[in-house]
Amino acid sequence: MAHGVFFASGGQHGSTLVGLVPDGVASVTLQYPRTVSRGRWYKPAVFPSAFTRTVRVQQNVLVVHVPRGGLEAFAARMVWRSADGKVLRVVTPPGLRIRVSTSH
């Protein structure tokens, strides 16, 4: 299981994202861009701002509330860390290129 397994449930005002990750992952940082593509034939979803959320993993499971609809609840970039903070893996969907800015 290199990328984990994730499910989202919710409506347009918020969703719950549930994930299953490999042994050794203690926390996951989820990064969401301001603009999310909905495919070639649809207008992108534009949100007030990008945001980042870090959640602890318990028994290989993470659960987090995301203030976005079900289609946009999946993070554009995830950073998996061990208990000592070491980055184990950075996961992005295939073909997705994003730039995450840390400046405000």
PDB file of N, CA and C in Angstrom:
ATOM      1  N   MET A   1       0.857  -1.174   0.000  1.00  0.00           N
ATOM      2  CA  MET A   1       0.000   0.000   0.000  1.00  0.00           C
ATOM      3  C   MET A   1       0.901   1.235   0.000  1.00  0.00           C
ATOM      4  N   ALA A   2       1.267   1.696  -1.168  1.00  0.00           N
ATOM      5  CA  ALA A   2       2.191   2.824  -1.295  1.00  0.00           C
ATOM      6  C   ALA A   2       1.507   4.173  -1.127  1.00  0.00           C
ATOM      7  N   HIS A   3       0.252   4.281  -1.522  1.00  0.00           N
ATOM      8  CA  HIS A   3      -0.432   5.573  -1.499  1.00  0.00           C
ATOM      9  C   HIS A   3      -1.533   5.654  -0.457  1.00  0.00           C
ATOM     10  N   GLY A   4      -1.827   4.579   0.232  1.00  0.00           N
ATOM     11  CA  GLY A   4      -2.913   4.581   1.198  1.00  0.00           C
ATOM     12  C   GLY A   4      -4.249   4.454   0.488  1.00  0.00           C
ATOM     13  N   VAL A   5      -5.300   4.422   1.284  1.00  0.00           N
ATOM     14  CA  VAL A   5      -6.664   4.339   0.758  1.00  0.00           C
ATOM     15  C   VAL A   5      -7.465   5.423   1.453  1.00  0.00           C
ATOM     16  N   PHE A   6      -8.171   6.243   0.670  1.00  0.00           N
ATOM     17  CA  PHE A   6      -8.911   7.367   1.227  1.00  0.00           C
ATOM     18  C   PHE A   6     -10.337   7.401   0.710  1.00  0.00           C
ATOM     19  N   PHE A   7     -11.256   7.798   1.610  1.00  0.00           N
ATOM     20  CA  PHE A   7     -12.670   7.935   1.280  1.00  0.00           C
ATOM     21  C   PHE A   7     -13.149   9.278   1.810  1.00  0.00           C
ATOM     22  N   ALA A   8     -14.095   9.894   1.107  1.00  0.00           N
ATOM     23  CA  ALA A   8     -14.666  11.163   1.568  1.00  0.00           C
ATOM     24  C   ALA A   8     -16.183  11.069   1.526  1.00  0.00           C
ATOM     25  N   SER A   9     -16.806  11.714   2.507  1.00  0.00           N
ATOM     26  CA  SER A   9     -18.260  11.742   2.584  1.00  0.00           C
ATOM     27  C   SER A   9     -18.675  13.118   3.080  1.00  0.00           C
ATOM     28  N   GLY A  10     -19.691  13.684   2.471  1.00  0.00           N
ATOM     29  CA  GLY A  10     -20.162  14.981   2.935  1.00  0.00           C
ATOM     30  C   GLY A  10     -20.883  15.744   1.848  1.00  0.00           C
ATOM     31  N   GLY A  11     -21.121  17.012   2.127  1.00  0.00           N
ATOM     32  CA  GLY A  11     -21.827  17.876   1.202  1.00  0.00           C
ATOM     33  C   GLY A  11     -20.974  19.062   0.816  1.00  0.00           C
ATOM     34  N   GLN A  12     -21.616  20.071   0.219  1.00  0.00           N
ATOM     35  CA  GLN A  12     -20.847  21.201  -0.288  1.00  0.00           C
ATOM     36  C   GLN A  12     -20.273  22.088   0.805  1.00  0.00           C
ATOM     37  N   HIS A  13     -20.753  21.964   2.039  1.00  0.00           N
ATOM     38  CA  HIS A  13     -20.252  22.818   3.122  1.00  0.00           C
ATOM     39  C   HIS A  13     -19.189  22.156   3.976  1.00  0.00           C
ATOM     40  N   GLY A  14     -18.890  20.911   3.707  1.00  0.00           N
ATOM     41  CA  GLY A  14     -17.853  20.234   4.467  1.00  0.00           C
ATOM     42  C   GLY A  14     -17.931  18.733   4.304  1.00  0.00           C
ATOM     43  N   SER A  15     -16.813  18.084   4.485  1.00  0.00           N
ATOM     44  CA  SER A  15     -16.732  16.640   4.301  1.00  0.00           C
ATOM     45  C   SER A  15     -15.843  16.026   5.364  1.00  0.00           C
ATOM     46  N   THR A  16     -15.989  14.725   5.518  1.00  0.00           N
ATOM     47  CA  THR A  16     -15.104  13.960   6.376  1.00  0.00           C
ATOM     48  C   THR A  16     -14.242  13.098   5.478  1.00  0.00           C
ATOM     49  N   LEU A  17     -12.940  13.211   5.659  1.00  0.00           N
ATOM     50  CA  LEU A  17     -11.986  12.410   4.912  1.00  0.00           C
ATOM     51  C   LEU A  17     -11.444  11.345   5.851  1.00  0.00           C
ATOM     52  N   VAL A  18     -11.514  10.096   5.414  1.00  0.00           N
ATOM     53  CA  VAL A  18     -11.014   8.961   6.192  1.00  0.00           C
ATOM     54  C   VAL A  18      -9.928   8.294   5.376  1.00  0.00           C
ATOM     55  N   GLY A  19      -8.790   8.005   6.008  1.00  0.00           N
ATOM     56  CA  GLY A  19      -7.686   7.386   5.285  1.00  0.00           C
ATOM     57  C   GLY A  19      -7.070   6.229   6.046  1.00  0.00           C
ATOM     58  N   LEU A  20      -6.550   5.295   5.295  1.00  0.00           N
ATOM     59  CA  LEU A  20      -5.813   4.158   5.831  1.00  0.00           C
ATOM     60  C   LEU A  20      -4.406   4.245   5.263  1.00  0.00           C
ATOM     61  N   VAL A  21      -3.397   4.330   6.143  1.00  0.00           N
ATOM     62  CA  VAL A  21      -2.011   4.490   5.709  1.00  0.00           C
ATOM     63  C   VAL A  21      -1.152   3.342   6.250  1.00  0.00           C
ATOM     64  N   PRO A  22       0.040   3.139   5.688  1.00  0.00           N
ATOM     65  CA  PRO A  22       0.904   2.029   6.112  1.00  0.00           C
ATOM     66  C   PRO A  22       1.438   2.183   7.542  1.00  0.00           C
ATOM     67  N   ASP A  23       1.948   1.080   8.073  1.00  0.00           N
ATOM     68  CA  ASP A  23       2.602   1.082   9.383  1.00  0.00           C
ATOM     69  C   ASP A  23       3.740   2.103   9.382  1.00  0.00           C
ATOM     70  N   GLY A  24       3.931   2.749  10.522  1.00  0.00           N
ATOM     71  CA  GLY A  24       5.035   3.697  10.668  1.00  0.00           C
ATOM     72  C   GLY A  24       4.651   5.138  10.427  1.00  0.00           C
ATOM     73  N   VAL A  25       3.501   5.382   9.812  1.00  0.00           N
ATOM     74  CA  VAL A  25       3.055   6.759   9.574  1.00  0.00           C
ATOM     75  C   VAL A  25       2.359   7.245  10.842  1.00  0.00           C
ATOM     76  N   ALA A  26       2.881   8.301  11.454  1.00  0.00           N
ATOM     77  CA  ALA A  26       2.334   8.830  12.706  1.00  0.00           C
ATOM     78  C   ALA A  26       1.480  10.069  12.503  1.00  0.00           C
ATOM     79  N   SER A  27       1.772  10.833  11.442  1.00  0.00           N
ATOM     80  CA  SER A  27       0.972  12.022  11.141  1.00  0.00           C
ATOM     81  C   SER A  27       0.976  12.253   9.636  1.00  0.00           C
ATOM     82  N   VAL A  28      -0.067  12.936   9.189  1.00  0.00           N
ATOM     83  CA  VAL A  28      -0.204  13.265   7.774  1.00  0.00           C
ATOM     84  C   VAL A  28      -0.552  14.742   7.667  1.00  0.00           C
ATOM     85  N   THR A  29       0.207  15.459   6.837  1.00  0.00           N
ATOM     86  CA  THR A  29      -0.102  16.856   6.541  1.00  0.00           C
ATOM     87  C   THR A  29      -0.784  16.889   5.182  1.00  0.00           C
ATOM     88  N   LEU A  30      -2.005  17.432   5.167  1.00  0.00           N
ATOM     89  CA  LEU A  30      -2.801  17.526   3.945  1.00  0.00           C
ATOM     90  C   LEU A  30      -2.751  18.971   3.460  1.00  0.00           C
ATOM     91  N   GLN A  31      -2.424  19.171   2.198  1.00  0.00           N
ATOM     92  CA  GLN A  31      -2.312  20.518   1.641  1.00  0.00           C
ATOM     93  C   GLN A  31      -3.345  20.690   0.528  1.00  0.00           C
ATOM     94  N   TYR A  32      -4.130  21.750   0.654  1.00  0.00           N
ATOM     95  CA  TYR A  32      -5.206  22.035  -0.282  1.00  0.00           C
ATOM     96  C   TYR A  32      -4.948  23.373  -0.977  1.00  0.00           C
ATOM     97  N   PRO A  33      -4.961  23.404  -2.296  1.00  0.00           N
ATOM     98  CA  PRO A  33      -4.756  24.664  -3.014  1.00  0.00           C
ATOM     99  C   PRO A  33      -6.027  25.519  -3.009  1.00  0.00           C
ATOM    100  N   ARG A  34      -5.880  26.761  -3.364  1.00  0.00           N
ATOM    101  CA  ARG A  34      -7.027  27.671  -3.456  1.00  0.00           C
ATOM    102  C   ARG A  34      -7.929  27.295  -4.628  1.00  0.00           C
ATOM    103  N   THR A  35      -7.332  26.893  -5.741  1.00  0.00           N
ATOM    104  CA  THR A  35      -8.086  26.552  -6.947  1.00  0.00           C
ATOM    105  C   THR A  35      -7.945  25.062  -7.223  1.00  0.00           C
ATOM    106  N   VAL A  36      -9.077  24.401  -7.474  1.00  0.00           N
ATOM    107  CA  VAL A  36      -9.090  22.961  -7.716  1.00  0.00           C
ATOM    108  C   VAL A  36      -9.712  22.697  -9.085  1.00  0.00           C
ATOM    109  N   SER A  37      -8.985  22.001  -9.923  1.00  0.00           N
ATOM    110  CA  SER A  37      -9.496  21.646 -11.245  1.00  0.00           C
ATOM    111  C   SER A  37     -10.607  20.609 -11.120  1.00  0.00           C
ATOM    112  N   ARG A  38     -11.630  20.764 -11.927  1.00  0.00           N
ATOM    113  CA  ARG A  38     -12.712  19.777 -11.986  1.00  0.00           C
ATOM    114  C   ARG A  38     -12.732  19.076 -13.334  1.00  0.00           C
ATOM    115  N   GLY A  39     -11.645  19.181 -14.042  1.00  0.00           N
ATOM    116  CA  GLY A  39     -11.553  18.525 -15.344  1.00  0.00           C
ATOM    117  C   GLY A  39     -11.625  19.511 -16.493  1.00  0.00           C
ATOM    118  N   ARG A  40     -11.321  19.002 -17.639  1.00  0.00           N
ATOM    119  CA  ARG A  40     -11.207  19.817 -18.850  1.00  0.00           C
ATOM    120  C   ARG A  40     -12.479  20.584 -19.207  1.00  0.00           C
ATOM    121  N   TRP A  41     -13.626  20.004 -18.989  1.00  0.00           N
ATOM    122  CA  TRP A  41     -14.882  20.593 -19.467  1.00  0.00           C
ATOM    123  C   TRP A  41     -15.634  21.407 -18.415  1.00  0.00           C
ATOM    124  N   TYR A  42     -15.060  21.565 -17.238  1.00  0.00           N
ATOM    125  CA  TYR A  42     -15.757  22.261 -16.157  1.00  0.00           C
ATOM    126  C   TYR A  42     -14.905  23.394 -15.604  1.00  0.00           C
ATOM    127  N   LYS A  43     -15.565  24.404 -15.072  1.00  0.00           N
ATOM    128  CA  LYS A  43     -14.850  25.498 -14.427  1.00  0.00           C
ATOM    129  C   LYS A  43     -14.212  24.982 -13.139  1.00  0.00           C
ATOM    130  N   PRO A  44     -13.037  25.494 -12.809  1.00  0.00           N
ATOM    131  CA  PRO A  44     -12.406  25.063 -11.555  1.00  0.00           C
ATOM    132  C   PRO A  44     -13.156  25.610 -10.345  1.00  0.00           C
ATOM    133  N   ALA A  45     -13.037  24.930  -9.238  1.00  0.00           N
ATOM    134  CA  ALA A  45     -13.593  25.418  -7.973  1.00  0.00           C
ATOM    135  C   ALA A  45     -12.568  26.371  -7.373  1.00  0.00           C
ATOM    136  N   VAL A  46     -13.012  27.551  -6.973  1.00  0.00           N
ATOM    137  CA  VAL A  46     -12.116  28.544  -6.380  1.00  0.00           C
ATOM    138  C   VAL A  46     -12.591  28.809  -4.951  1.00  0.00           C
ATOM    139  N   PHE A  47     -11.689  28.647  -3.994  1.00  0.00           N
ATOM    140  CA  PHE A  47     -12.008  28.817  -2.586  1.00  0.00           C
ATOM    141  C   PHE A  47     -11.372  30.101  -2.065  1.00  0.00           C
ATOM    142  N   PRO A  48     -11.825  30.599  -0.924  1.00  0.00           N
ATOM    143  CA  PRO A  48     -11.262  31.844  -0.381  1.00  0.00           C
ATOM    144  C   PRO A  48      -9.754  31.784  -0.153  1.00  0.00           C
ATOM    145  N   SER A  49      -9.237  30.604   0.198  1.00  0.00           N
ATOM    146  CA  SER A  49      -7.795  30.491   0.424  1.00  0.00           C
ATOM    147  C   SER A  49      -7.361  29.032   0.369  1.00  0.00           C
ATOM    148  N   ALA A  50      -6.070  28.837   0.224  1.00  0.00           N
ATOM    149  CA  ALA A  50      -5.488  27.508   0.360  1.00  0.00           C
ATOM    150  C   ALA A  50      -5.402  27.216   1.858  1.00  0.00           C
ATOM    151  N   PHE A  51      -5.276  25.954   2.232  1.00  0.00           N
ATOM    152  CA  PHE A  51      -5.065  25.645   3.636  1.00  0.00           C
ATOM    153  C   PHE A  51      -4.324  24.317   3.788  1.00  0.00           C
ATOM    154  N   THR A  52      -3.740  24.170   4.964  1.00  0.00           N
ATOM    155  CA  THR A  52      -2.983  22.972   5.314  1.00  0.00           C
ATOM    156  C   THR A  52      -3.493  22.467   6.651  1.00  0.00           C
ATOM    157  N   ARG A  53      -3.629  21.166   6.758  1.00  0.00           N
ATOM    158  CA  ARG A  53      -4.079  20.563   8.007  1.00  0.00           C
ATOM    159  C   ARG A  53      -3.207  19.354   8.305  1.00  0.00           C
ATOM    160  N   THR A  54      -2.722  19.239   9.546  1.00  0.00           N
ATOM    161  CA  THR A  54      -1.937  18.087   9.970  1.00  0.00           C
ATOM    162  C   THR A  54      -2.754  17.295  10.987  1.00  0.00           C
ATOM    163  N   VAL A  55      -2.842  15.986  10.768  1.00  0.00           N
ATOM    164  CA  VAL A  55      -3.618  15.128  11.657  1.00  0.00           C
ATOM    165  C   VAL A  55      -2.763  13.958  12.128  1.00  0.00           C
ATOM    166  N   ARG A  56      -3.035  13.494  13.339  1.00  0.00           N
ATOM    167  CA  ARG A  56      -2.354  12.323  13.872  1.00  0.00           C
ATOM    168  C   ARG A  56      -3.020  11.067  13.329  1.00  0.00           C
ATOM    169  N   VAL A  57      -2.213  10.048  13.171  1.00  0.00           N
ATOM    170  CA  VAL A  57      -2.695   8.747  12.712  1.00  0.00           C
ATOM    171  C   VAL A  57      -2.768   7.833  13.921  1.00  0.00           C
ATOM    172  N   GLN A  58      -3.889   7.130  14.069  1.00  0.00           N
ATOM    173  CA  GLN A  58      -4.050   6.169  15.155  1.00  0.00           C
ATOM    174  C   GLN A  58      -4.417   4.827  14.558  1.00  0.00           C
ATOM    175  N   GLN A  59      -3.617   3.819  14.818  1.00  0.00           N
ATOM    176  CA  GLN A  59      -3.815   2.465  14.309  1.00  0.00           C
ATOM    177  C   GLN A  59      -3.993   2.464  12.789  1.00  0.00           C
ATOM    178  N   ASN A  60      -3.135   3.226  12.128  1.00  0.00           N
ATOM    179  CA  ASN A  60      -3.081   3.338  10.668  1.00  0.00           C
ATOM    180  C   ASN A  60      -4.269   4.089  10.053  1.00  0.00           C
ATOM    181  N   VAL A  61      -5.093   4.735  10.862  1.00  0.00           N
ATOM    182  CA  VAL A  61      -6.291   5.422  10.366  1.00  0.00           C
ATOM    183  C   VAL A  61      -6.218   6.898  10.724  1.00  0.00           C
ATOM    184  N   LEU A  62      -6.626   7.740   9.777  1.00  0.00           N
ATOM    185  CA  LEU A  62      -6.780   9.165  10.060  1.00  0.00           C
ATOM    186  C   LEU A  62      -8.189   9.589   9.653  1.00  0.00           C
ATOM    187  N   VAL A  63      -8.727  10.522  10.417  1.00  0.00           N
ATOM    188  CA  VAL A  63     -10.047  11.077  10.140  1.00  0.00           C
ATOM    189  C   VAL A  63      -9.937  12.574  10.330  1.00  0.00           C
ATOM    190  N   VAL A  64     -10.427  13.332   9.352  1.00  0.00           N
ATOM    191  CA  VAL A  64     -10.337  14.787   9.435  1.00  0.00           C
ATOM    192  C   VAL A  64     -11.550  15.413   8.755  1.00  0.00           C
ATOM    193  N   HIS A  65     -12.061  16.503   9.355  1.00  0.00           N
ATOM    194  CA  HIS A  65     -13.127  17.282   8.721  1.00  0.00           C
ATOM    195  C   HIS A  65     -12.470  18.317   7.817  1.00  0.00           C
ATOM    196  N   VAL A  66     -12.960  18.411   6.600  1.00  0.00           N
ATOM    197  CA  VAL A  66     -12.420  19.339   5.605  1.00  0.00           C
ATOM    198  C   VAL A  66     -13.541  20.302   5.211  1.00  0.00           C
ATOM    199  N   PRO A  67     -13.299  21.613   5.255  1.00  0.00           N
ATOM    200  CA  PRO A  67     -14.350  22.577   4.917  1.00  0.00           C
ATOM    201  C   PRO A  67     -14.564  22.736   3.409  1.00  0.00           C
ATOM    202  N   ARG A  68     -14.625  21.610   2.718  1.00  0.00           N
ATOM    203  CA  ARG A  68     -14.869  21.591   1.273  1.00  0.00           C
ATOM    204  C   ARG A  68     -15.789  20.432   0.956  1.00  0.00           C
ATOM    205  N   GLY A  69     -16.429  20.512  -0.180  1.00  0.00           N
ATOM    206  CA  GLY A  69     -17.333  19.454  -0.600  1.00  0.00           C
ATOM    207  C   GLY A  69     -16.620  18.141  -0.862  1.00  0.00           C
ATOM    208  N   GLY A  70     -17.395  17.094  -1.036  1.00  0.00           N
ATOM    209  CA  GLY A  70     -16.850  15.756  -1.223  1.00  0.00           C
ATOM    210  C   GLY A  70     -15.878  15.628  -2.372  1.00  0.00           C
ATOM    211  N   LEU A  71     -16.138  16.308  -3.493  1.00  0.00           N
ATOM    212  CA  LEU A  71     -15.244  16.215  -4.640  1.00  0.00           C
ATOM    213  C   LEU A  71     -13.890  16.864  -4.379  1.00  0.00           C
ATOM    214  N   GLU A  72     -13.859  17.867  -3.521  1.00  0.00           N
ATOM    215  CA  GLU A  72     -12.621  18.587  -3.239  1.00  0.00           C
ATOM    216  C   GLU A  72     -12.009  18.202  -1.901  1.00  0.00           C
ATOM    217  N   ALA A  73     -12.508  17.150  -1.249  1.00  0.00           N
ATOM    218  CA  ALA A  73     -12.025  16.757   0.076  1.00  0.00           C
ATOM    219  C   ALA A  73     -10.681  16.031   0.030  1.00  0.00           C
ATOM    220  N   PHE A  74     -10.301  15.524  -1.133  1.00  0.00           N
ATOM    221  CA  PHE A  74      -9.042  14.818  -1.254  1.00  0.00           C
ATOM    222  C   PHE A  74      -7.913  15.826  -1.424  1.00  0.00           C
ATOM    223  N   ALA A  75      -6.892  15.692  -0.603  1.00  0.00           N
ATOM    224  CA  ALA A  75      -5.787  16.651  -0.615  1.00  0.00           C
ATOM    225  C   ALA A  75      -4.992  16.569  -1.912  1.00  0.00           C
ATOM    226  N   ALA A  76      -4.509  17.713  -2.359  1.00  0.00           N
ATOM    227  CA  ALA A  76      -3.670  17.761  -3.557  1.00  0.00           C
ATOM    228  C   ALA A  76      -2.266  17.257  -3.264  1.00  0.00           C
ATOM    229  N   ARG A  77      -1.877  17.349  -2.001  1.00  0.00           N
ATOM    230  CA  ARG A  77      -0.534  16.892  -1.609  1.00  0.00           C
ATOM    231  C   ARG A  77      -0.619  16.425  -0.164  1.00  0.00           C
ATOM    232  N   MET A  78       0.003  15.273   0.119  1.00  0.00           N
ATOM    233  CA  MET A  78       0.062  14.751   1.479  1.00  0.00           C
ATOM    234  C   MET A  78       1.514  14.459   1.832  1.00  0.00           C
ATOM    235  N   VAL A  79       1.881  14.811   3.056  1.00  0.00           N
ATOM    236  CA  VAL A  79       3.210  14.500   3.561  1.00  0.00           C
ATOM    237  C   VAL A  79       3.025  13.558   4.747  1.00  0.00           C
ATOM    238  N   TRP A  80       3.578  12.354   4.616  1.00  0.00           N
ATOM    239  CA  TRP A  80       3.499  11.361   5.674  1.00  0.00           C
ATOM    240  C   TRP A  80       4.758  11.449   6.514  1.00  0.00           C
ATOM    241  N   ARG A  81       4.604  11.492   7.845  1.00  0.00           N
ATOM    242  CA  ARG A  81       5.745  11.594   8.753  1.00  0.00           C
ATOM    243  C   ARG A  81       5.722  10.474   9.789  1.00  0.00           C
ATOM    244  N   SER A  82       6.916  10.099  10.216  1.00  0.00           N
ATOM    245  CA  SER A  82       7.064   9.113  11.294  1.00  0.00           C
ATOM    246  C   SER A  82       6.878   9.822  12.632  1.00  0.00           C
ATOM    247  N   ALA A  83       6.913   9.060  13.708  1.00  0.00           N
ATOM    248  CA  ALA A  83       6.734   9.627  15.051  1.00  0.00           C
ATOM    249  C   ALA A  83       7.819  10.648  15.402  1.00  0.00           C
ATOM    250  N   ASP A  84       9.020  10.497  14.835  1.00  0.00           N
ATOM    251  CA  ASP A  84      10.094  11.457  15.113  1.00  0.00           C
ATOM    252  C   ASP A  84      10.112  12.639  14.138  1.00  0.00           C
ATOM    253  N   GLY A  85       9.104  12.733  13.271  1.00  0.00           N
ATOM    254  CA  GLY A  85       8.980  13.867  12.353  1.00  0.00           C
ATOM    255  C   GLY A  85       9.641  13.690  11.009  1.00  0.00           C
ATOM    256  N   LYS A  86      10.303  12.570  10.798  1.00  0.00           N
ATOM    257  CA  LYS A  86      10.971  12.318   9.522  1.00  0.00           C
ATOM    258  C   LYS A  86       9.941  12.119   8.414  1.00  0.00           C
ATOM    259  N   VAL A  87      10.165  12.768   7.268  1.00  0.00           N
ATOM    260  CA  VAL A  87       9.272  12.606   6.124  1.00  0.00           C
ATOM    261  C   VAL A  87       9.478  11.215   5.536  1.00  0.00           C
ATOM    262  N   LEU A  88       8.397  10.444   5.504  1.00  0.00           N
ATOM    263  CA  LEU A  88       8.446   9.094   4.956  1.00  0.00           C
ATOM    264  C   LEU A  88       8.083   9.068   3.484  1.00  0.00           C
ATOM    265  N   ARG A  89       7.135   9.921   3.108  1.00  0.00           N
ATOM    266  CA  ARG A  89       6.652   9.919   1.728  1.00  0.00           C
ATOM    267  C   ARG A  89       5.864  11.197   1.461  1.00  0.00           C
ATOM    268  N   VAL A  90       5.979  11.712   0.250  1.00  0.00           N
ATOM    269  CA  VAL A  90       5.157  12.823  -0.212  1.00  0.00           C
ATOM    270  C   VAL A  90       4.282  12.260  -1.328  1.00  0.00           C
ATOM    271  N   VAL A  91       2.975  12.382  -1.167  1.00  0.00           N
ATOM    272  CA  VAL A  91       2.035  11.780  -2.105  1.00  0.00           C
ATOM    273  C   VAL A  91       1.255  12.870  -2.834  1.00  0.00           C
ATOM    274  N   THR A  92       1.264  12.809  -4.156  1.00  0.00           N
ATOM    275  CA  THR A  92       0.422  13.666  -4.984  1.00  0.00           C
ATOM    276  C   THR A  92      -0.272  12.776  -6.005  1.00  0.00           C
ATOM    277  N   PRO A  93      -1.481  13.143  -6.423  1.00  0.00           N
ATOM    278  CA  PRO A  93      -2.155  12.347  -7.443  1.00  0.00           C
ATOM    279  C   PRO A  93      -1.337  12.317  -8.728  1.00  0.00           C
ATOM    280  N   PRO A  94      -1.371  11.209  -9.465  1.00  0.00           N
ATOM    281  CA  PRO A  94      -0.618  11.111 -10.721  1.00  0.00           C
ATOM    282  C   PRO A  94      -0.973  12.251 -11.676  1.00  0.00           C
ATOM    283  N   GLY A  95       0.052  12.863 -12.250  1.00  0.00           N
ATOM    284  CA  GLY A  95      -0.159  13.917 -13.236  1.00  0.00           C
ATOM    285  C   GLY A  95      -0.460  15.285 -12.658  1.00  0.00           C
ATOM    286  N   LEU A  96      -0.594  15.390 -11.341  1.00  0.00           N
ATOM    287  CA  LEU A  96      -0.932  16.676 -10.731  1.00  0.00           C
ATOM    288  C   LEU A  96       0.335  17.445 -10.423  1.00  0.00           C
ATOM    289  N   ARG A  97       0.363  18.694 -10.851  1.00  0.00           N
ATOM    290  CA  ARG A  97       1.485  19.567 -10.531  1.00  0.00           C
ATOM    291  C   ARG A  97       0.933  20.768  -9.800  1.00  0.00           C
ATOM    292  N   ILE A  98       1.398  20.966  -8.584  1.00  0.00           N
ATOM    293  CA  ILE A  98       0.951  22.116  -7.811  1.00  0.00           C
ATOM    294  C   ILE A  98       2.161  22.812  -7.219  1.00  0.00           C
ATOM    295  N   ARG A  99       1.987  24.040  -6.871  1.00  0.00           N
ATOM    296  CA  ARG A  99       3.026  24.783  -6.173  1.00  0.00           C
ATOM    297  C   ARG A  99       2.434  25.209  -4.842  1.00  0.00           C
ATOM    298  N   VAL A 100       3.061  24.815  -3.766  1.00  0.00           N
ATOM    299  CA  VAL A 100       2.582  25.177  -2.446  1.00  0.00           C
ATOM    300  C   VAL A 100       3.457  26.297  -1.934  1.00  0.00           C
ATOM    301  N   SER A 101       2.834  27.430  -1.661  1.00  0.00           N
ATOM    302  CA  SER A 101       3.557  28.600  -1.169  1.00  0.00           C
ATOM    303  C   SER A 101       3.459  28.669   0.336  1.00  0.00           C
ATOM    304  N   THR A 102       4.573  28.894   0.999  1.00  0.00           N
ATOM    305  CA  THR A 102       4.556  29.037   2.447  1.00  0.00           C
ATOM    306  C   THR A 102       4.567  30.488   2.857  1.00  0.00           C
ATOM    307  N   SER A 103       4.704  31.402   1.911  1.00  0.00           N
ATOM    308  CA  SER A 103       4.673  32.826   2.254  1.00  0.00           C
ATOM    309  C   SER A 103       3.238  33.315   2.264  1.00  0.00           C
ATOM    310  N   HIS A 104       2.991  34.378   3.032  1.00  0.00           N
ATOM    311  CA  HIS A 104       1.616  34.906   3.155  1.00  0.00           C
ATOM    312  C   HIS A 104       1.472  36.204   2.422  1.00  0.00           C
TER     313      HIS A 104
END
